[in-house]
Amino acid sequence: MAVPKKKHSKSRRDRRRSQWKAKTPNLGECSNCQELKLPHRVCPSCGHYDGRQAKAVK
């Protein structure tokens, strides 16, 4: 198993971890109601997907 010869500094460790963060989801508009929704998913507000009613919404 590989073992580091010297200790990495905190700045080096933090520079590596700076890229590890959550991204905001890519939201698109629903073609039916113009609400924001995740792509390739049924719209949670109106139940439409790909121009048709996919799910009944209360």
C-alpha atoms as a PDB file:
ATOM      1  CA  MET A   1       0.000   0.000   0.000  1.00  0.00           C
ATOM      2  CA  ALA A   2       1.342   3.441  -0.898  1.00  0.00           C
ATOM      3  CA  VAL A   3       2.263   5.673   2.024  1.00  0.00           C
ATOM      4  CA  PRO A   4       3.096   9.371   1.594  1.00  0.00           C
ATOM      5  CA  LYS A   5       6.705  10.259   2.378  1.00  0.00           C
ATOM      6  CA  LYS A   6       5.849  13.746   3.681  1.00  0.00           C
ATOM      7  CA  LYS A   7       2.741  15.311   5.183  1.00  0.00           C
ATOM      8  CA  HIS A   8       0.667  17.397   2.770  1.00  0.00           C
ATOM      9  CA  SER A   9       0.070  20.921   4.005  1.00  0.00           C
ATOM     10  CA  LYS A  10      -3.431  22.149   4.869  1.00  0.00           C
ATOM     11  CA  SER A  11      -3.400  24.512   1.896  1.00  0.00           C
ATOM     12  CA  ARG A  12      -2.583  21.660  -0.483  1.00  0.00           C
ATOM     13  CA  ARG A  13      -5.317  19.504   1.017  1.00  0.00           C
ATOM     14  CA  ASP A  14      -7.846  22.333   0.818  1.00  0.00           C
ATOM     15  CA  ARG A  15      -6.899  23.165  -2.776  1.00  0.00           C
ATOM     16  CA  ARG A  16      -7.717  19.579  -3.749  1.00  0.00           C
ATOM     17  CA  ARG A  17     -11.029  19.679  -1.877  1.00  0.00           C
ATOM     18  CA  SER A  18     -12.078  23.025  -3.358  1.00  0.00           C
ATOM     19  CA  GLN A  19     -13.411  21.243  -6.462  1.00  0.00           C
ATOM     20  CA  TRP A  20     -15.667  18.962  -4.408  1.00  0.00           C
ATOM     21  CA  LYS A  21     -18.924  20.854  -4.079  1.00  0.00           C
ATOM     22  CA  ALA A  22     -22.585  20.481  -4.897  1.00  0.00           C
ATOM     23  CA  LYS A  23     -23.834  21.941  -8.177  1.00  0.00           C
ATOM     24  CA  THR A  24     -27.182  23.587  -8.703  1.00  0.00           C
ATOM     25  CA  PRO A  25     -29.535  21.407 -10.762  1.00  0.00           C
ATOM     26  CA  ASN A  26     -30.169  22.342 -14.390  1.00  0.00           C
ATOM     27  CA  LEU A  27     -33.788  23.413 -14.441  1.00  0.00           C
ATOM     28  CA  GLY A  28     -35.903  23.811 -17.566  1.00  0.00           C
ATOM     29  CA  GLU A  29     -39.326  25.218 -18.270  1.00  0.00           C
ATOM     30  CA  CYS A  30     -42.365  23.003 -18.554  1.00  0.00           C
ATOM     31  CA  SER A  31     -43.845  23.358 -22.049  1.00  0.00           C
ATOM     32  CA  ASN A  32     -47.372  23.284 -20.632  1.00  0.00           C
ATOM     33  CA  CYS A  33     -47.366  25.506 -17.521  1.00  0.00           C
ATOM     34  CA  GLN A  34     -43.939  27.241 -17.783  1.00  0.00           C
ATOM     35  CA  GLU A  35     -42.965  26.174 -14.231  1.00  0.00           C
ATOM     36  CA  LEU A  36     -39.353  25.152 -13.553  1.00  0.00           C
ATOM     37  CA  LYS A  37     -38.731  21.400 -13.528  1.00  0.00           C
ATOM     38  CA  LEU A  38     -35.870  18.939 -13.825  1.00  0.00           C
ATOM     39  CA  PRO A  39     -35.171  17.780 -17.395  1.00  0.00           C
ATOM     40  CA  HIS A  40     -36.528  14.379 -18.550  1.00  0.00           C
ATOM     41  CA  ARG A  41     -39.025  14.230 -15.697  1.00  0.00           C
ATOM     42  CA  VAL A  42     -42.761  14.710 -15.320  1.00  0.00           C
ATOM     43  CA  CYS A  43     -43.684  18.256 -14.276  1.00  0.00           C
ATOM     44  CA  PRO A  44     -44.631  18.159 -10.566  1.00  0.00           C
ATOM     45  CA  SER A  45     -47.097  21.043 -10.870  1.00  0.00           C
ATOM     46  CA  CYS A  46     -49.180  19.993 -13.902  1.00  0.00           C
ATOM     47  CA  GLY A  47     -48.202  16.338 -14.591  1.00  0.00           C
ATOM     48  CA  HIS A  48     -47.255  16.838 -18.253  1.00  0.00           C
ATOM     49  CA  TYR A  49     -44.301  15.197 -19.982  1.00  0.00           C
ATOM     50  CA  ASP A  50     -43.315  15.411 -23.653  1.00  0.00           C
ATOM     51  CA  GLY A  51     -46.495  17.268 -24.605  1.00  0.00           C
ATOM     52  CA  ARG A  52     -48.945  14.830 -23.025  1.00  0.00           C
ATOM     53  CA  GLN A  53     -50.621  14.258 -19.665  1.00  0.00           C
ATOM     54  CA  ALA A  54     -48.470  11.643 -17.916  1.00  0.00           C
ATOM     55  CA  LYS A  55     -49.743  11.857 -14.362  1.00  0.00           C
ATOM     56  CA  ALA A  56     -52.929  13.021 -12.692  1.00  0.00           C
ATOM     57  CA  VAL A  57     -52.305  15.938 -10.323  1.00  0.00           C
ATOM     58  CA  LYS A  58     -54.643  16.831  -7.467  1.00  0.00           C
END
